[in-house]
Protein backbone atom coordinates (compact mmCIF):
# COMPACT_ATOMS: atom_id res chain seq x y z
CA MET A 1 0.00 0.00 0.00
CA MET A 2 2.75 2.45 0.95
CA GLN A 3 4.68 1.52 -2.16
CA ALA A 4 1.69 2.30 -4.39
CA LEU A 5 1.14 5.58 -2.55
CA ASN A 6 4.79 6.56 -3.03
CA ARG A 7 4.56 5.76 -6.73
CA LEU A 8 1.41 7.92 -7.01
CA LEU A 9 3.07 10.78 -5.15
CA GLY A 10 6.13 10.40 -7.35
CA ALA A 11 4.01 10.64 -10.50
CA ILE A 12 2.11 13.69 -9.23
CA SER A 13 5.31 15.50 -8.20
CA SER A 14 7.37 14.48 -11.24
CA LEU A 15 9.24 16.99 -13.38
CA ARG A 16 7.79 15.32 -16.46
CA LEU A 17 4.28 16.36 -15.37
CA THR A 18 5.52 19.92 -14.78
CA ILE A 19 6.97 20.16 -18.28
CA SER A 20 3.80 18.66 -19.78
CA CYS A 21 1.64 21.27 -18.03
CA LEU A 22 3.88 24.12 -19.15
CA ALA A 23 3.84 22.83 -22.75
CA ALA A 24 0.04 22.51 -22.65
CA ALA A 25 -0.24 26.05 -21.27
CA PHE A 26 1.95 27.35 -24.10
CA VAL A 27 -0.25 25.65 -26.71
CA LEU A 28 -3.42 26.92 -25.01
CA VAL A 29 -2.20 30.53 -24.93
CA PHE A 30 -1.13 30.30 -28.57
CA ALA A 31 -4.49 28.85 -29.67
CA GLY A 32 -6.46 31.32 -27.55
CA THR A 33 -4.50 34.25 -29.00
CA LEU A 34 -5.25 33.13 -32.54
CA ALA A 35 -8.92 32.62 -31.67
CA GLN A 36 -9.24 36.27 -30.62
CA VAL A 37 -8.68 37.27 -34.24
CA HIS A 38 -12.12 35.86 -35.12
CA PHE A 39 -14.04 35.73 -31.84
CA GLU A 40 -15.03 38.16 -29.10
CA PRO A 41 -12.32 38.24 -26.36
CA LEU A 42 -14.76 37.48 -23.53
CA TYR A 43 -15.99 34.39 -25.39
CA VAL A 44 -12.41 33.21 -25.94
CA GLN A 45 -11.58 33.80 -22.30
CA GLU A 46 -14.53 31.68 -21.17
CA GLN A 47 -13.95 28.89 -23.69
CA TYR A 48 -10.16 28.59 -23.39
CA PHE A 49 -8.83 30.06 -20.16
CA GLN A 50 -11.77 29.87 -17.73
CA SER A 51 -12.82 26.33 -18.55
CA TRP A 52 -11.77 22.83 -17.54
CA LEU A 53 -11.82 21.56 -21.12
CA VAL A 54 -11.69 23.15 -24.57
CA TYR A 55 -14.45 21.82 -26.80
CA TRP A 56 -14.75 21.45 -30.54
CA ARG A 57 -18.24 22.00 -31.89
CA PRO A 58 -18.73 20.24 -35.24
CA ALA A 59 -21.03 22.01 -37.68
CA SER A 60 -23.35 19.01 -38.02
CA GLY A 61 -23.24 17.83 -34.42
CA ASP A 62 -25.28 18.86 -31.40
CA TYR A 63 -22.76 17.77 -28.78
CA PRO A 64 -19.38 19.46 -28.26
CA ILE A 65 -16.32 17.21 -28.19
CA PRO A 66 -13.51 17.87 -25.67
CA VAL A 67 -10.20 18.23 -27.50
CA PHE A 68 -7.77 19.90 -25.08
CA PRO A 69 -7.40 20.78 -21.38
CA GLY A 70 -8.63 24.24 -20.46
CA GLY A 71 -6.91 26.87 -18.38
CA HIS A 72 -8.51 25.81 -15.09
CA LEU A 73 -7.47 22.17 -15.55
CA ILE A 74 -3.88 23.00 -16.54
CA GLY A 75 -3.53 25.47 -13.67
CA ALA A 76 -5.01 23.07 -11.12
CA VAL A 77 -2.77 20.17 -12.17
CA LEU A 78 0.32 22.41 -12.17
CA LEU A 79 -0.55 23.75 -8.71
CA ILE A 80 -1.03 20.22 -7.32
CA ASN A 81 2.20 19.14 -8.99
CA LEU A 82 4.19 21.97 -7.40
CA ILE A 83 2.66 21.45 -3.96
CA ALA A 84 3.37 17.71 -4.12
CA ALA A 85 6.96 18.35 -5.25
CA HIS A 86 7.43 20.92 -2.51
CA ILE A 87 6.18 18.50 0.17
CA ARG A 88 8.09 15.50 -1.17
CA ARG A 89 11.41 17.26 -1.58
CA PHE A 90 11.11 19.66 1.34
CA SER A 91 14.25 19.83 3.45
CA TRP A 92 15.47 22.18 6.16
CA ARG A 93 19.03 22.00 4.86
CA TRP A 94 20.49 25.39 4.02
CA ASN A 95 21.71 24.26 0.60
CA LYS A 96 18.07 23.53 -0.40
CA LEU A 97 16.61 26.82 0.83
CA GLY A 98 16.80 28.55 -2.56
CA ILE A 99 14.92 25.74 -4.32
CA GLN A 100 12.25 25.67 -1.61
CA LEU A 101 11.76 29.44 -1.81
CA THR A 102 11.45 29.25 -5.59
CA HIS A 103 8.79 26.52 -5.34
CA LEU A 104 6.93 28.48 -2.67
CA GLY A 105 6.92 31.66 -4.78
CA ILE A 106 5.51 29.86 -7.82
CA ILE A 107 2.82 28.23 -5.66
CA ILE A 108 1.82 31.67 -4.33
CA MET A 109 1.73 33.02 -7.88
CA LEU A 110 -0.55 30.22 -9.13
CA THR A 111 -2.80 30.47 -6.08
CA GLY A 112 -3.04 34.23 -6.53
CA GLY A 113 -3.96 33.76 -10.19
CA LEU A 114 -6.73 31.36 -9.23
CA ALA A 115 -8.03 33.78 -6.59
CA THR A 116 -7.97 36.61 -9.13
CA ASP A 117 -9.97 34.54 -11.59
CA LEU A 118 -12.57 33.60 -8.97
CA PHE A 119 -12.91 36.76 -6.89
CA SER A 120 -11.76 39.77 -8.91
CA VAL A 121 -14.41 42.13 -10.31
CA SER A 122 -13.82 44.34 -13.32
CA SER A 123 -16.23 47.14 -14.19
CA PHE A 124 -16.30 50.50 -15.93
CA MET A 125 -17.31 54.05 -15.02
CA PRO A 126 -18.15 56.33 -17.98
CA LEU A 127 -18.17 59.97 -16.90
CA GLN A 128 -19.23 63.10 -18.78
CA LYS A 129 -17.47 66.34 -17.87
CA GLY A 130 -19.01 67.59 -14.64
CA GLU A 131 -20.82 64.31 -13.98
CA THR A 132 -20.70 62.61 -10.57
CA LYS A 133 -21.14 58.88 -9.99
CA ASN A 134 -20.94 56.58 -6.99
CA TYR A 135 -21.16 53.33 -8.95
CA SER A 136 -19.41 51.43 -11.73
CA GLU A 137 -21.05 49.14 -14.28
CA SER A 138 -20.28 45.66 -15.58
CA ARG A 139 -20.05 45.06 -19.31
CA GLU A 140 -20.84 41.36 -19.02
CA ARG A 141 -23.44 41.06 -16.27
CA ARG A 142 -27.03 42.36 -16.25
CA GLU A 143 -29.49 43.02 -13.45
CA LEU A 144 -33.21 43.65 -13.19
CA ALA A 145 -33.66 46.89 -11.24
CA VAL A 146 -36.98 47.11 -9.40
CA VAL A 147 -37.34 50.66 -8.06
CA ASP A 148 -39.84 51.99 -5.53
CA LEU A 149 -40.67 55.53 -6.75
CA SER A 150 -43.14 56.43 -4.02
CA ASP A 151 -40.67 58.58 -2.07
CA PRO A 152 -39.88 61.81 -4.01
CA ASP A 153 -36.53 62.19 -2.22
CA TYR A 154 -35.22 58.63 -2.23
CA ASP A 155 -35.48 55.63 -4.57
CA GLN A 156 -35.48 52.19 -2.98
CA ILE A 157 -33.75 49.88 -5.49
CA THR A 158 -33.93 46.09 -5.48
CA ALA A 159 -31.35 44.65 -7.88
CA ILE A 160 -32.00 41.12 -9.14
CA PRO A 161 -28.96 39.48 -10.84
CA GLY A 162 -29.45 38.39 -14.43
CA GLU A 163 -28.31 34.89 -13.45
CA LEU A 164 -31.59 34.48 -11.51
CA LEU A 165 -33.57 35.43 -14.63
CA ALA A 166 -31.78 32.67 -16.52
CA LYS A 167 -32.98 30.06 -14.00
CA GLY A 168 -36.61 30.91 -14.67
CA GLY A 169 -39.55 30.44 -12.32
CA GLU A 170 -40.31 32.68 -9.38
CA ILE A 171 -37.61 35.08 -8.21
CA LYS A 172 -37.18 35.62 -4.49
CA PRO A 173 -35.11 38.79 -3.95
CA ASP A 174 -33.36 39.55 -0.67
CA THR A 175 -35.57 42.60 -0.11
CA PRO A 176 -39.27 41.71 0.42
CA LEU A 177 -41.58 43.14 -2.24
CA PRO A 178 -45.39 43.47 -2.23
CA PHE A 179 -45.53 41.42 -5.43
CA ARG A 180 -44.08 38.23 -6.88
CA ILE A 181 -41.87 38.23 -9.97
CA VAL A 182 -42.18 35.14 -12.16
CA VAL A 183 -39.98 34.67 -15.23
CA ARG A 184 -42.08 33.58 -18.21
CA GLY A 185 -39.33 33.80 -20.82
CA TYR A 186 -35.56 34.31 -20.91
CA TYR A 187 -33.30 35.15 -23.86
CA ARG A 188 -29.56 35.27 -23.36
CA ASN A 189 -29.20 36.97 -26.72
CA SER A 190 -32.21 38.43 -28.46
CA LYS A 191 -33.51 40.67 -31.18
CA LEU A 192 -36.44 43.05 -30.76
CA ASN A 193 -38.68 43.89 -33.72
CA THR A 194 -41.48 46.42 -33.74
CA ILE A 195 -44.63 44.60 -34.79
CA GLY A 196 -45.69 45.59 -38.32
CA MET A 197 -42.35 47.24 -39.13
CA GLU A 198 -40.13 44.24 -39.95
CA HIS A 199 -40.41 40.65 -41.01
CA GLY A 200 -40.60 38.11 -38.23
CA SER A 201 -42.90 37.25 -35.37
CA THR A 202 -46.11 39.28 -35.02
CA ILE A 203 -46.86 38.04 -31.51
CA PRO A 204 -46.37 40.70 -28.82
CA ALA A 205 -43.67 39.83 -26.30
CA SER A 206 -45.83 40.82 -23.30
CA THR A 207 -49.27 42.03 -22.34
CA MET A 208 -48.10 45.29 -20.74
CA GLY A 209 -45.61 48.05 -21.41
CA ILE A 210 -43.34 48.27 -24.44
CA GLY A 211 -43.67 44.53 -25.06
CA MET A 212 -47.22 45.08 -26.35
CA ARG A 213 -45.72 46.65 -29.48
CA VAL A 214 -42.57 44.54 -29.77
CA ALA A 215 -41.79 40.93 -30.69
CA VAL A 216 -38.74 39.23 -29.20
CA THR A 217 -36.72 36.54 -30.96
CA SER A 218 -33.95 34.38 -29.53
CA ILE A 219 -30.73 34.45 -31.57
CA PRO A 220 -27.40 32.57 -31.17
CA ARG A 221 -24.88 33.85 -28.70
CA ALA A 222 -22.59 36.62 -29.96
CA ILE A 223 -19.08 35.26 -30.46
CA LYS A 224 -17.62 37.47 -33.19
CA LEU A 225 -15.63 40.66 -32.72
CA LYS A 226 -17.60 43.85 -32.01
CA GLU A 227 -20.69 41.81 -31.15
CA GLU A 228 -22.31 41.45 -27.75
CA ASP A 229 -25.22 39.57 -26.26
CA ARG A 230 -28.42 41.58 -25.76
CA MET A 231 -30.34 40.00 -22.90
CA SER A 232 -34.14 40.05 -22.69
CA ALA A 233 -36.73 38.48 -20.43
CA VAL A 234 -40.49 38.40 -19.97
CA VAL A 235 -41.64 38.64 -16.34
CA GLU A 236 -45.08 38.51 -14.74
CA ILE A 237 -45.98 40.76 -11.79
CA ILE A 238 -48.36 39.14 -9.27
CA PRO A 239 -49.39 41.14 -6.16
CA VAL A 240 -48.99 39.19 -2.94
CA LYS A 241 -52.18 40.60 -1.41
CA ASP A 242 -54.83 39.41 -3.90
CA GLY A 243 -52.79 37.28 -6.33
CA LYS A 244 -54.35 39.01 -9.33
CA SER A 245 -51.76 39.30 -12.10
CA LEU A 246 -50.75 42.73 -13.35
CA GLY A 247 -49.72 41.17 -16.65
CA THR A 248 -46.39 40.31 -18.26
CA TRP A 249 -43.64 42.80 -19.00
CA LEU A 250 -40.77 42.70 -21.48
CA VAL A 251 -37.45 43.82 -19.99
CA SER A 252 -34.35 44.12 -22.15
CA ASP A 253 -31.01 45.92 -22.15
CA GLN A 254 -32.14 47.23 -25.54
CA ILE A 255 -34.86 49.25 -23.81
CA ASP A 256 -33.30 52.38 -22.33
CA ALA A 257 -36.24 53.82 -20.39
CA PRO A 258 -37.66 52.09 -17.31
CA GLN A 259 -41.30 50.92 -17.39
CA THR A 260 -43.64 51.88 -14.57
CA PHE A 261 -46.62 50.23 -12.86
CA GLU A 262 -48.56 50.60 -9.62
CA CYS A 263 -48.89 48.06 -6.83
CA ALA A 264 -49.79 48.33 -3.12
CA ASP A 265 -50.61 52.05 -3.58
CA ARG A 266 -47.04 52.73 -4.70
CA LYS A 267 -45.40 53.47 -8.02
CA TRP A 268 -42.70 51.10 -9.26
CA SER A 269 -40.37 50.82 -12.26
CA LEU A 270 -38.71 47.90 -14.03
CA GLN A 271 -35.52 48.05 -16.06
CA LEU A 272 -32.96 45.49 -17.23
CA ARG A 273 -29.62 47.29 -17.13
CA LEU A 274 -25.91 46.76 -16.72
CA ALA A 275 -25.11 45.44 -13.23
CA ARG A 276 -23.98 48.21 -10.91
CA TYR A 277 -21.41 48.17 -8.10
CA TYR A 278 -22.17 50.99 -5.69
CA LYS A 279 -19.36 52.71 -3.75
CA PRO A 280 -19.35 54.56 -0.40
CA TYR A 281 -17.66 57.45 -2.23
CA SER A 282 -18.12 59.32 -5.50
CA LEU A 283 -16.00 60.53 -8.41
CA THR A 284 -16.65 63.75 -10.33
CA LEU A 285 -14.95 64.37 -13.70
CA ARG A 286 -13.48 67.88 -13.71
CA ASP A 287 -11.47 67.73 -16.92
CA PHE A 288 -10.48 65.25 -19.62
CA ILE A 289 -7.41 65.67 -21.82
CA HIS A 290 -6.95 63.69 -25.05
CA GLU A 291 -3.81 64.23 -27.09
CA VAL A 292 -3.05 62.62 -30.47
CA TYR A 293 0.11 62.31 -32.53
CA PRO A 294 0.47 65.20 -35.01
CA GLY A 295 -1.20 64.50 -38.34
CA THR A 296 -2.98 61.36 -37.09
CA GLN A 297 -5.94 60.31 -34.96
CA ASN A 298 -3.85 57.85 -32.95
CA PRO A 299 -4.06 58.52 -29.20
CA LYS A 300 -0.84 59.85 -27.71
CA ASP A 301 -2.06 60.42 -24.18
CA PHE A 302 -5.34 60.82 -22.38
CA SER A 303 -5.92 61.60 -18.72
CA SER A 304 -8.73 62.44 -16.34
CA LYS A 305 -8.86 64.93 -13.51
CA VAL A 306 -11.43 63.81 -10.97
CA THR A 307 -12.62 64.89 -7.54
CA LEU A 308 -12.75 62.06 -5.03
CA ASN A 309 -15.35 62.68 -2.32
CA ASP A 310 -15.84 60.27 0.58
CA PRO A 311 -18.46 61.62 3.01
CA VAL A 312 -17.89 58.81 5.51
CA ILE A 313 -14.32 59.75 6.38
CA LYS A 314 -14.66 63.31 5.00
CA ASP A 315 -12.00 62.83 2.34
CA SER A 316 -12.19 65.21 -0.63
CA ARG A 317 -9.30 65.73 -3.02
CA GLN A 318 -8.31 66.21 -6.65
CA VAL A 319 -6.75 63.22 -8.42
CA ARG A 320 -5.24 62.84 -11.89
CA ILE A 321 -5.58 59.44 -13.57
CA TRP A 322 -3.56 58.64 -16.67
CA MET A 323 -1.82 55.72 -18.36
CA ASN A 324 0.04 53.48 -15.86
CA HIS A 325 -0.92 55.87 -13.03
CA PRO A 326 -4.16 54.50 -11.57
CA LEU A 327 -6.14 55.66 -8.55
CA ARG A 328 -6.21 53.14 -5.70
CA TYR A 329 -8.86 53.69 -3.07
CA GLN A 330 -10.61 51.34 -0.61
CA GLY A 331 -9.68 48.21 -2.54
CA ASP A 332 -10.70 49.65 -5.93
CA THR A 333 -8.19 50.52 -8.65
CA TYR A 334 -9.23 52.98 -11.37
CA TYR A 335 -7.35 52.89 -14.68
CA GLN A 336 -7.63 55.29 -17.59
CA SER A 337 -9.27 52.94 -20.09
CA SER A 338 -10.91 54.88 -22.91
CA PHE A 339 -12.93 57.99 -23.71
CA LEU A 340 -16.41 58.92 -24.90
CA GLU A 341 -17.31 60.18 -28.36
CA SER A 342 -16.14 63.67 -29.30
CA ASP A 343 -13.93 63.67 -26.17
CA SER A 344 -17.04 64.52 -24.13
CA GLY A 345 -15.86 62.41 -21.22
CA THR A 346 -13.78 59.54 -19.97
CA VAL A 347 -14.15 55.82 -19.36
CA LEU A 348 -12.42 54.52 -16.24
CA GLN A 349 -11.90 50.83 -15.63
CA CYS A 350 -12.51 49.84 -12.01
CA VAL A 351 -10.85 46.64 -10.79
CA ARG A 352 -11.36 45.09 -7.36
CA ASN A 353 -8.85 42.29 -6.88
CA PRO A 354 -8.33 41.03 -3.31
CA SER A 355 -5.21 39.10 -4.35
CA TYR A 356 -3.49 41.79 -6.43
CA GLN A 357 -0.44 41.70 -4.15
CA ALA A 358 0.15 37.96 -4.69
CA PRO A 359 2.27 38.38 -7.88
CA TYR A 360 4.51 40.96 -6.18
CA VAL A 361 5.02 38.76 -3.12
CA ALA A 362 5.62 35.72 -5.34
CA CYS A 363 8.21 37.54 -7.48
CA VAL A 364 10.09 38.72 -4.38
CA ILE A 365 10.18 35.19 -2.95
CA VAL A 366 11.25 33.64 -6.27
CA GLY A 367 13.91 36.33 -6.68
CA LEU A 368 15.27 35.67 -3.19
CA GLY A 369 15.31 31.94 -3.86
CA LEU A 370 17.16 32.30 -7.16
CA PHE A 371 19.62 34.81 -5.68
CA TYR A 372 20.32 32.57 -2.71
CA GLN A 373 20.84 29.52 -4.96
CA PHE A 374 23.14 31.47 -7.28
CA PHE A 375 25.09 32.91 -4.33
CA LEU A 376 25.41 29.43 -2.80
CA HIS A 377 26.82 27.94 -6.00
CA LEU A 378 29.07 30.96 -6.53
CA THR A 379 30.63 30.70 -3.07
CA GLY A 380 31.06 26.96 -3.55
CA PHE A 381 32.79 27.52 -6.88
CA ILE A 382 35.13 30.14 -5.34
CA ARG A 383 35.90 27.85 -2.42
CA ARG A 384 36.80 24.95 -4.72
CA ALA A 385 38.89 27.22 -6.95
CA ASN A 386 40.86 28.51 -3.94
CA SER A 387 41.42 25.02 -2.61
CA LYS A 388 43.01 23.97 -5.92
CA LYS A 389 45.41 26.91 -5.76
CA THR A 390 46.55 25.96 -2.26
CA PRO A 391 49.78 23.90 -2.46
């Protein structure tokens, strides 16, 4: 039994497995880079780097066929391999310290990468000049915003993640509502057609609101460059008090204006929008500078001057954000990402990554390990060389 266990541990911690994982990672990165020429980067990221297996989808087949390990599988096997090698070969001898530090640094780097993939949140904050915002928006995720408009001074917002719409059935939000929300139809990617204006379905999408004049059609997921999914759903509003339906409503990220209804003597609105991440502070765009190379439209430099205002700790200051000079505040990092049309404003990328320090710590540890190992071999070489000169 112990012999079989040792053989298994030897196979898991073998250098051959390490090299195989690194070779597979190289092939995966190469294939994923080529795929981004034809497909949307987010789609490539999900299919190649955030998956356990890479699938091939034949044109005439309904079932995808796994053809190569995905990024999660390669990373997991490499992490297990390094941990097993570290445990198996661990020694407190000083001449092995550099190797152990190098292994430990790589393990921290891989673990930090996994944590980043699982827990980091990337969003964007478009700002017009003079505009103030206390939230950023996701480009991938959607949410159904149910807003209580009865108070003229304050809107009570209940945000329902788009993932719950995809599950269908009755939605049970964290905040109690005087009505039930039941999903009657969900479309990950959809097309809206005004009835009577275009060819296609002539059946209204819903019995109330904009959906009375619009037909919704499910279309394949957007995978090509410059395409994006346009989510839609049909929901039914049923008051809790009498159970009499208020009809079905079409919500879609293609509908800009919220739709209103009344329930429990209060006015409400529905809107499917980009998911928002609210902050305890706000940013106000004071100025945006966009410079181009002479005679071209190629960006040379663009920067944003913003006012950071945190009423909780009474922090108010001017900050300049430009390329490679982000704003870090309360766990959020704001990068200068892009700009709005006609230079009317800026687009800041907001990244919250709880493990952003892991690569720095890992590089320091690996550097110390390599330096120590080099210094150890150098002193040994000098010692041997001096001993040969001694008569």
